[in-house]
């Protein structure tokens, strides 16, 4: 008989955002006359920019003629996109990343979830708490954890991110093999300083660890003192892989494009001590399991790196950061301490009450959807995450509803 992967049974009954979706659906069914405003899941709402759309159309049109048609593309991504990424996102900013160290993909979620496949079952793993659920759940699926006990999985090391450390954990005293970091952070909106990232890089070099650095929200960094890439830190190319996404940067959540940077200096080892190139391992994985991102999407992504495209994505980020400023200021005025919302599109709000209860209260009283912090880990209890990804008028309306509900 066909048997299941038993590790899937250790997963919690529902993915966080599926639970939220069910609650919202039930509320809407019971209150069909109420208009729901969603400030929960981080999905963008503004249309793709004009020049990106033009590039997208041009890519599609090329597929309509035999002379310009393309079938399977390179699994690693087309050179025109990899070269643009290397120059604009890294080389122009002082990071010596080469185009062939970049792997274009259909999403940072996919890459951060799949990357653990390269490593041994018994590696020690550190994850932030609160944490983006994909980091944890994919390692559960792979069989690297024990049971779920008291809000955490046995076998993982949780790096507590609290207001006492400004939601930026320090390296632990124990040696870890694999560490997940995300800055600007999802869900807390916190950012790491150059000094803090340097601590992590030095830790990884001492312990021959690997840092998986999720930089999906880099475009929202406005403070020039905050590193935009872990590769700004000396020595990081030996111990870090970086994930980036076009989803929030350019509004590609429904279009699907991202990339992962793997320096060729980055190594892993087998039980005998022989070293292996992580770059080569990932290339082997991708050529086996992935057929690349579609040509029109890569043409649209490449447009982001033109002068016009850069202006458009900067305008988009500024728009959402304007929403974040409004949310942050309103919640603080209502007496709720906040983190994030300055170099991040997420605002982490301290509610002082049970996260799910606060979520339910806001939904019932205001028809505004947020995300309960407890869904991101035990350290998220007592918080909610509010997303700035919506139209300005809806954000203003949601804040008016929340303000009125707090005054009654």
Protein backbone atom coordinates (compact mmCIF):
# COMPACT_ATOMS: atom_id res chain seq x y z
CA UNK A 1 0.00 0.00 0.00
CA UNK A 2 1.06 3.58 -0.59
CA UNK A 3 2.27 5.24 2.60
CA UNK A 4 2.58 8.89 3.53
CA UNK A 5 5.64 10.83 4.60
CA UNK A 6 5.09 10.61 8.40
CA UNK A 7 6.72 13.98 9.01
CA UNK A 8 3.75 15.72 7.40
CA UNK A 9 1.63 14.56 10.33
CA UNK A 10 3.76 16.73 12.63
CA UNK A 11 2.68 19.88 10.82
CA UNK A 12 0.10 21.97 12.57
CA UNK A 13 -3.43 21.48 11.33
CA UNK A 14 -3.43 24.55 9.12
CA UNK A 15 -0.97 26.97 7.65
CA UNK A 16 -1.33 30.36 9.39
CA UNK A 17 -2.74 32.19 6.40
CA UNK A 18 -5.17 29.38 5.62
CA UNK A 19 -6.57 29.72 9.14
CA UNK A 20 -6.94 33.46 8.68
CA UNK A 21 -8.63 32.91 5.34
CA UNK A 22 -11.16 30.54 6.89
CA UNK A 23 -11.96 32.99 9.68
CA UNK A 24 -12.43 35.81 7.20
CA UNK A 25 -14.63 33.64 4.97
CA UNK A 26 -16.82 32.69 7.93
CA UNK A 27 -17.10 36.34 8.97
CA UNK A 28 -18.06 37.45 5.47
CA UNK A 29 -20.68 34.71 5.20
CA UNK A 30 -22.22 35.83 8.48
CA UNK A 31 -21.93 39.53 7.56
CA UNK A 32 -22.49 39.81 3.80
CA UNK A 33 -23.21 43.55 4.04
CA UNK A 34 -19.81 44.43 5.54
CA UNK A 35 -16.83 45.41 3.42
CA UNK A 36 -13.65 43.71 4.57
CA UNK A 37 -10.34 45.57 4.39
CA UNK A 38 -7.32 43.28 4.30
CA UNK A 39 -4.18 44.43 6.06
CA UNK A 40 -3.03 40.92 6.89
CA UNK A 41 -1.35 38.86 4.20
CA UNK A 42 1.46 40.73 2.49
CA UNK A 43 -0.02 40.79 -1.01
CA UNK A 44 0.46 43.91 -3.09
CA UNK A 45 -2.51 45.77 -4.54
CA UNK A 46 -1.11 48.27 -7.06
CA UNK A 47 -0.83 47.38 -10.73
CA UNK A 48 2.44 46.52 -12.43
CA UNK A 49 4.21 49.70 -13.55
CA UNK A 50 3.77 50.94 -17.14
CA UNK A 51 7.27 50.15 -18.41
CA UNK A 52 7.18 46.67 -16.84
CA UNK A 53 3.87 45.96 -18.57
CA UNK A 54 5.34 47.12 -21.89
CA UNK A 55 8.32 44.79 -21.46
CA UNK A 56 5.96 41.96 -20.52
CA UNK A 57 3.90 42.52 -23.67
CA UNK A 58 7.03 42.66 -25.80
CA UNK A 59 8.18 39.35 -24.37
CA UNK A 60 4.84 37.76 -25.17
CA UNK A 61 4.87 39.17 -28.69
CA UNK A 62 8.30 37.65 -29.30
CA UNK A 63 6.81 34.25 -28.58
CA UNK A 64 4.28 34.76 -31.37
CA UNK A 65 6.89 34.66 -34.15
CA UNK A 66 9.07 31.72 -35.13
CA UNK A 67 12.07 34.00 -35.55
CA UNK A 68 11.92 35.26 -31.94
CA UNK A 69 10.22 32.31 -30.26
CA UNK A 70 11.91 30.71 -27.25
CA UNK A 71 11.14 27.35 -25.69
CA UNK A 72 12.96 26.06 -22.64
CA UNK A 73 15.18 28.71 -21.18
CA UNK A 74 18.23 28.23 -18.95
CA UNK A 75 17.23 26.91 -15.53
CA UNK A 76 19.47 29.52 -13.91
CA UNK A 77 17.81 32.43 -15.71
CA UNK A 78 18.54 34.37 -18.90
CA UNK A 79 21.86 36.22 -18.99
CA UNK A 80 20.18 39.56 -19.71
CA UNK A 81 18.41 39.40 -16.34
CA UNK A 82 21.26 37.91 -14.31
CA UNK A 83 23.67 40.56 -15.64
CA UNK A 84 21.26 43.38 -14.77
CA UNK A 85 20.72 42.02 -11.25
CA UNK A 86 24.46 41.63 -10.64
CA UNK A 87 25.23 45.17 -11.78
CA UNK A 88 22.37 47.18 -10.25
CA UNK A 89 21.66 45.27 -7.06
CA UNK A 90 25.23 44.36 -6.15
CA UNK A 91 28.20 45.66 -8.15
CA UNK A 92 26.99 49.27 -8.25
CA UNK A 93 26.58 49.04 -4.46
CA UNK A 94 30.04 47.69 -3.81
CA UNK A 95 29.25 43.95 -3.61
CA UNK A 96 31.30 41.77 -5.94
CA UNK A 97 28.62 39.36 -7.08
CA UNK A 98 28.92 37.88 -10.57
CA UNK A 99 25.99 37.10 -12.87
CA UNK A 100 26.70 33.36 -12.78
CA UNK A 101 26.25 33.41 -8.99
CA UNK A 102 22.60 34.41 -9.46
CA UNK A 103 19.78 31.91 -9.92
CA UNK A 104 16.45 33.31 -11.15
CA UNK A 105 13.39 31.54 -9.76
CA UNK A 106 9.63 31.77 -9.41
CA UNK A 107 9.66 32.94 -5.79
CA UNK A 108 11.73 33.51 -2.68
CA UNK A 109 9.23 31.39 -0.78
CA UNK A 110 10.05 28.47 -3.06
CA UNK A 111 13.79 28.99 -2.77
CA UNK A 112 13.92 29.48 1.00
CA UNK A 113 11.70 26.43 1.37
CA UNK A 114 13.64 24.22 -1.04
CA UNK A 115 17.18 25.16 -0.08
CA UNK A 116 17.23 22.87 2.95
CA UNK A 117 17.17 19.89 0.54
CA UNK A 118 20.93 20.32 0.04
CA UNK A 119 21.85 19.48 3.61
CA UNK A 120 22.09 16.47 5.90
CA UNK A 121 19.15 15.32 7.98
CA UNK A 122 20.95 15.92 11.26
CA UNK A 123 22.18 19.48 10.77
CA UNK A 124 21.42 21.82 13.66
CA UNK A 125 19.07 24.62 12.64
CA UNK A 126 18.42 28.05 14.10
CA UNK A 127 15.23 29.92 13.25
CA UNK A 128 14.04 33.29 14.53
CA UNK A 129 10.97 33.47 16.76
CA UNK A 130 8.77 35.10 15.51
CA UNK A 131 9.47 33.43 12.19
CA UNK A 132 8.18 33.28 8.63
CA UNK A 133 6.46 29.84 8.79
CA UNK A 134 8.06 28.45 5.62
CA UNK A 135 11.49 28.20 7.25
CA UNK A 136 10.11 25.94 9.96
CA UNK A 137 7.51 23.92 8.09
CA UNK A 138 9.80 22.82 5.26
CA UNK A 139 12.30 21.44 7.76
CA UNK A 140 9.47 19.65 9.53
CA UNK A 141 8.43 18.09 6.22
CA UNK A 142 12.02 17.00 5.64
CA UNK A 143 12.13 15.17 8.97
CA UNK A 144 14.59 17.39 10.82
CA UNK A 145 12.41 18.03 13.84
CA UNK A 146 10.70 16.20 16.63
CA UNK A 147 7.15 16.72 17.82
CA UNK A 148 5.40 20.04 18.24
CA UNK A 149 5.44 20.78 21.98
CA UNK A 150 4.32 23.94 23.75
CA UNK A 151 4.31 25.99 20.59
CA UNK A 152 7.68 24.83 19.25
CA UNK A 153 9.20 21.90 17.41
CA UNK A 154 11.71 19.74 19.20
CA UNK A 155 15.05 19.70 17.42
CA UNK A 156 15.06 23.33 16.30
CA UNK A 157 16.91 26.13 18.06
CA UNK A 158 14.68 29.18 18.37
CA UNK A 159 16.42 32.55 18.24
CA UNK A 160 14.15 34.71 20.36
CA UNK A 161 13.38 38.12 18.89
CA UNK A 162 11.70 40.33 21.48
CA UNK A 163 11.43 44.00 22.34
CA UNK A 164 14.37 43.48 24.72
CA UNK A 165 16.71 42.93 21.75
CA UNK A 166 14.73 45.15 19.35
CA UNK A 167 13.62 41.97 17.56
CA UNK A 168 17.15 41.25 16.29
CA UNK A 169 18.56 38.08 17.88
CA UNK A 170 22.26 37.75 18.67
CA UNK A 171 24.23 34.64 17.73
CA UNK A 172 23.83 31.87 20.34
CA UNK A 173 26.70 30.43 22.34
CA UNK A 174 26.14 26.99 20.79
CA UNK A 175 27.30 26.23 17.25
CA UNK A 176 24.55 25.91 14.67
CA UNK A 177 24.97 24.52 11.16
CA UNK A 178 22.17 26.35 9.37
CA UNK A 179 20.69 29.72 10.38
CA UNK A 180 17.72 31.53 8.86
CA UNK A 181 17.74 35.34 9.05
CA UNK A 182 15.30 37.80 7.48
CA UNK A 183 15.85 41.59 7.34
CA UNK A 184 13.90 43.77 7.00
CA UNK A 185 12.11 41.21 9.07
CA UNK A 186 8.87 39.48 8.33
CA UNK A 187 6.83 39.71 10.56
CA UNK A 188 8.34 42.27 12.97
CA UNK A 189 9.54 44.91 10.52
CA UNK A 190 12.84 45.14 12.41
CA UNK A 191 16.11 45.84 10.59
CA UNK A 192 19.62 44.69 11.47
CA UNK A 193 22.55 47.08 11.73
CA UNK A 194 25.90 46.51 10.07
CA UNK A 195 27.37 45.61 13.45
CA UNK A 196 24.67 43.02 14.13
CA UNK A 197 25.10 41.35 10.74
CA UNK A 198 28.86 41.38 11.23
CA UNK A 199 28.37 39.42 14.46
CA UNK A 200 26.41 36.79 12.56
CA UNK A 201 28.93 36.52 9.74
CA UNK A 202 31.81 36.13 12.21
CA UNK A 203 29.79 33.49 14.09
CA UNK A 204 29.17 31.58 10.86
CA UNK A 205 32.82 31.71 9.88
CA UNK A 206 33.96 30.44 13.30
CA UNK A 207 31.54 27.52 13.17
CA UNK A 208 31.55 26.80 9.42
CA UNK A 209 27.83 27.54 9.46
CA UNK A 210 25.62 28.72 6.61
CA UNK A 211 23.33 31.75 6.84
CA UNK A 212 20.21 31.73 4.67
CA UNK A 213 19.51 35.45 4.41
CA UNK A 214 16.03 36.44 3.26
CA UNK A 215 16.17 40.00 1.89
CA UNK A 216 12.79 40.04 0.17
CA UNK A 217 11.93 43.49 1.58
CA UNK A 218 15.21 45.25 0.83
CA UNK A 219 13.58 47.88 -1.38
CA UNK A 220 11.88 49.38 1.67
CA UNK A 221 15.16 50.29 3.38
CA UNK A 222 15.51 54.08 3.33
CA UNK A 223 18.17 54.50 6.03
CA UNK A 224 21.59 54.49 4.29
CA UNK A 225 23.24 53.13 7.45
CA UNK A 226 21.26 49.86 7.19
CA UNK A 227 22.88 47.19 4.97
CA UNK A 228 20.82 46.27 1.93
CA UNK A 229 22.66 42.97 1.48
CA UNK A 230 24.50 40.58 3.74
CA UNK A 231 27.25 40.65 1.12
CA UNK A 232 28.14 44.14 2.31
CA UNK A 233 29.70 42.40 5.33
CA UNK A 234 33.34 41.26 4.86
CA UNK A 235 33.68 37.47 4.75
CA UNK A 236 29.98 36.88 4.08
CA UNK A 237 30.53 35.33 0.64
CA UNK A 238 32.03 32.29 2.37
CA UNK A 239 29.07 31.69 4.69
CA UNK A 240 25.87 33.19 3.28
CA UNK A 241 23.24 32.74 0.60
CA UNK A 242 20.85 35.61 -0.13
CA UNK A 243 17.25 35.43 -1.36
CA UNK A 244 15.48 38.32 -3.03
CA UNK A 245 12.11 38.74 -4.65
CA UNK A 246 10.34 40.90 -7.21
CA UNK A 247 7.02 40.28 -5.44
CA UNK A 248 7.04 43.30 -3.13
CA UNK A 249 9.80 45.23 -4.91
CA UNK A 250 7.96 45.42 -8.23
CA UNK A 251 4.49 44.00 -7.50
CA UNK A 252 5.15 40.54 -8.96
CA UNK A 253 3.20 38.51 -6.39
CA UNK A 254 0.95 37.13 -9.12
CA UNK A 255 3.63 37.15 -11.81
CA UNK A 256 6.29 35.16 -9.91
CA UNK A 257 9.94 36.13 -10.14
CA UNK A 258 12.76 36.08 -7.63
CA UNK A 259 16.41 35.19 -7.39
CA UNK A 260 18.94 33.55 -5.09
CA UNK A 261 22.58 34.58 -4.84
CA UNK A 262 25.11 31.81 -4.07
CA UNK A 263 28.75 32.91 -4.06
CA UNK A 264 31.15 30.31 -5.39
CA UNK A 265 33.23 30.59 -2.20
CA UNK A 266 30.33 29.13 -0.19
CA UNK A 267 31.04 25.54 0.88
CA UNK A 268 29.45 22.62 2.75
CA UNK A 269 31.10 19.40 3.91
CA UNK A 270 30.40 15.67 3.98
CA UNK A 271 31.03 13.37 6.94
CA UNK A 272 34.63 12.79 5.88
CA UNK A 273 35.39 16.50 5.79
CA UNK A 274 35.46 16.83 2.00
CA UNK A 275 34.14 20.20 0.87
CA UNK A 276 31.48 20.76 -1.80
CA UNK A 277 30.42 23.91 -3.61
CA UNK A 278 26.92 24.94 -2.50
CA UNK A 279 26.66 26.81 -5.80
CA UNK A 280 27.22 23.55 -7.70
CA UNK A 281 24.80 21.62 -5.49
CA UNK A 282 22.02 24.15 -6.03
CA UNK A 283 22.71 24.23 -9.75
CA UNK A 284 22.34 20.44 -9.82
CA UNK A 285 19.10 20.66 -7.87
CA UNK A 286 17.63 23.33 -10.14
CA UNK A 287 18.57 21.59 -13.37
CA UNK A 288 16.83 18.47 -12.06
CA UNK A 289 13.68 19.97 -10.54
CA UNK A 290 13.14 23.33 -12.24
CA UNK A 291 12.66 24.46 -15.83
CA UNK A 292 13.15 28.15 -15.28
CA UNK A 293 10.96 31.26 -15.17
CA UNK A 294 9.02 32.11 -18.32
CA UNK A 295 10.70 34.37 -20.85
CA UNK A 296 8.08 37.20 -20.75
CA UNK A 297 8.31 37.35 -16.95
CA UNK A 298 12.10 37.61 -17.10
CA UNK A 299 11.83 40.37 -19.71
CA UNK A 300 9.45 42.21 -17.38
CA UNK A 301 11.82 41.69 -14.43
CA UNK A 302 14.77 43.00 -16.45
CA UNK A 303 12.86 46.20 -17.12
CA UNK A 304 13.00 46.90 -13.38
CA UNK A 305 16.74 47.55 -13.82
CA UNK A 306 16.38 50.29 -16.43
CA UNK A 307 16.42 53.92 -15.21
CA UNK A 308 12.66 54.14 -15.77
CA UNK A 309 12.07 50.85 -13.99
CA UNK A 310 14.17 51.95 -11.01
CA UNK A 311 12.14 55.15 -10.70
CA UNK A 312 8.91 53.17 -10.81
CA UNK A 313 9.85 50.66 -8.11
CA UNK A 314 11.15 53.44 -5.87
CA UNK A 315 7.82 55.22 -6.27
CA UNK A 316 5.99 51.98 -5.44
CA UNK A 317 8.03 51.40 -2.29
CA UNK A 318 7.49 55.02 -1.21
CA UNK A 319 3.74 54.60 -1.65
CA UNK A 320 3.57 51.55 0.60
CA UNK A 321 5.93 53.15 3.13
CA UNK A 322 3.51 56.10 3.21
CA UNK A 323 0.80 53.65 4.20
CA UNK A 324 3.10 52.15 6.82
CA UNK A 325 3.76 55.58 8.34
CA UNK A 326 0.03 56.21 8.69
CA UNK A 327 -0.54 52.82 10.32
CA UNK A 328 2.38 53.17 12.70
CA UNK A 329 1.43 56.67 13.80
CA UNK A 330 -2.22 55.79 14.29
CA UNK A 331 -1.52 52.70 16.37
CA UNK A 332 0.99 54.57 18.53
CA UNK A 333 -1.54 57.37 19.06
CA UNK A 334 -4.03 54.71 20.19
CA UNK A 335 -1.54 53.56 22.82
CA UNK A 336 -0.04 50.52 21.09
CA UNK A 337 3.79 50.38 20.92
CA UNK A 338 5.04 49.51 17.43
CA UNK A 339 8.12 48.21 15.65
CA UNK A 340 8.65 48.40 11.90
CA UNK A 341 6.87 50.62 9.43
CA UNK A 342 9.96 52.78 8.78
CA UNK A 343 12.33 50.61 6.73
CA UNK A 344 9.68 47.93 6.30
CA UNK A 345 6.12 47.55 5.00
CA UNK A 346 5.12 45.66 8.17
CA UNK A 347 4.10 47.15 11.48
CA UNK A 348 4.46 44.91 14.54
CA UNK A 349 1.92 46.09 17.09
CA UNK A 350 2.08 45.19 20.78
CA UNK A 351 -1.51 44.57 21.83
CA UNK A 352 -0.99 43.46 25.42
CA UNK A 353 -3.62 40.77 24.88
CA UNK A 354 -3.95 37.36 23.26
CA UNK A 355 -3.03 37.70 19.57
CA UNK A 356 -5.89 35.66 18.15
CA UNK A 357 -8.41 37.36 20.45
CA UNK A 358 -7.23 40.78 19.28
CA UNK A 359 -7.39 39.60 15.67
CA UNK A 360 -10.95 38.33 16.20
CA UNK A 361 -12.00 41.56 17.93
CA UNK A 362 -10.72 43.72 15.11
CA UNK A 363 -12.39 41.51 12.54
CA UNK A 364 -15.73 41.50 14.35
CA UNK A 365 -15.77 45.20 15.23
CA UNK A 366 -14.09 46.76 12.21
CA UNK A 367 -14.01 44.13 9.42
CA UNK A 368 -10.26 44.79 9.20
CA UNK A 369 -7.99 41.77 8.72
CA UNK A 370 -4.58 41.70 10.41
CA UNK A 371 -2.25 38.81 11.26
CA UNK A 372 -2.00 37.46 14.83
CA UNK A 373 1.58 37.41 16.04
CA UNK A 374 1.20 34.04 17.75
CA UNK A 375 0.94 32.49 14.30
CA UNK A 376 4.62 33.33 13.79
CA UNK A 377 5.85 31.71 17.01
CA UNK A 378 5.61 31.86 20.78
CA UNK A 379 7.47 35.19 20.93
CA UNK A 380 4.74 36.64 18.71
CA UNK A 381 2.09 36.23 21.38
CA UNK A 382 0.70 39.60 22.39
CA UNK A 383 1.33 41.16 18.97
CA UNK A 384 -0.35 41.56 15.60
CA UNK A 385 1.25 42.29 12.25
CA UNK A 386 -0.36 44.95 10.08
CA UNK A 387 0.62 45.10 6.43
CA UNK A 388 0.94 48.34 4.48
CA UNK A 389 0.10 46.61 1.22
CA UNK A 390 -3.19 48.15 0.18
CA UNK A 391 -4.57 51.24 -1.51
CA UNK A 392 -4.14 54.44 0.49
CA UNK A 393 -7.86 55.13 0.73
CA UNK A 394 -8.52 51.66 2.15
CA UNK A 395 -5.71 52.04 4.68
CA UNK A 396 -7.17 55.36 5.84
CA UNK A 397 -10.64 53.82 6.06
CA UNK A 398 -9.31 50.85 8.05
CA UNK A 399 -7.51 53.13 10.49
CA UNK A 400 -10.64 55.23 10.95
CA UNK A 401 -12.61 52.06 11.77
CA UNK A 402 -9.96 50.89 14.24
CA UNK A 403 -9.78 54.30 15.91
CA UNK A 404 -13.54 54.48 16.29
CA UNK A 405 -13.69 50.96 17.71
CA UNK A 406 -11.10 51.84 20.37
CA UNK A 407 -13.14 54.82 21.48
CA UNK A 408 -16.41 52.94 22.02
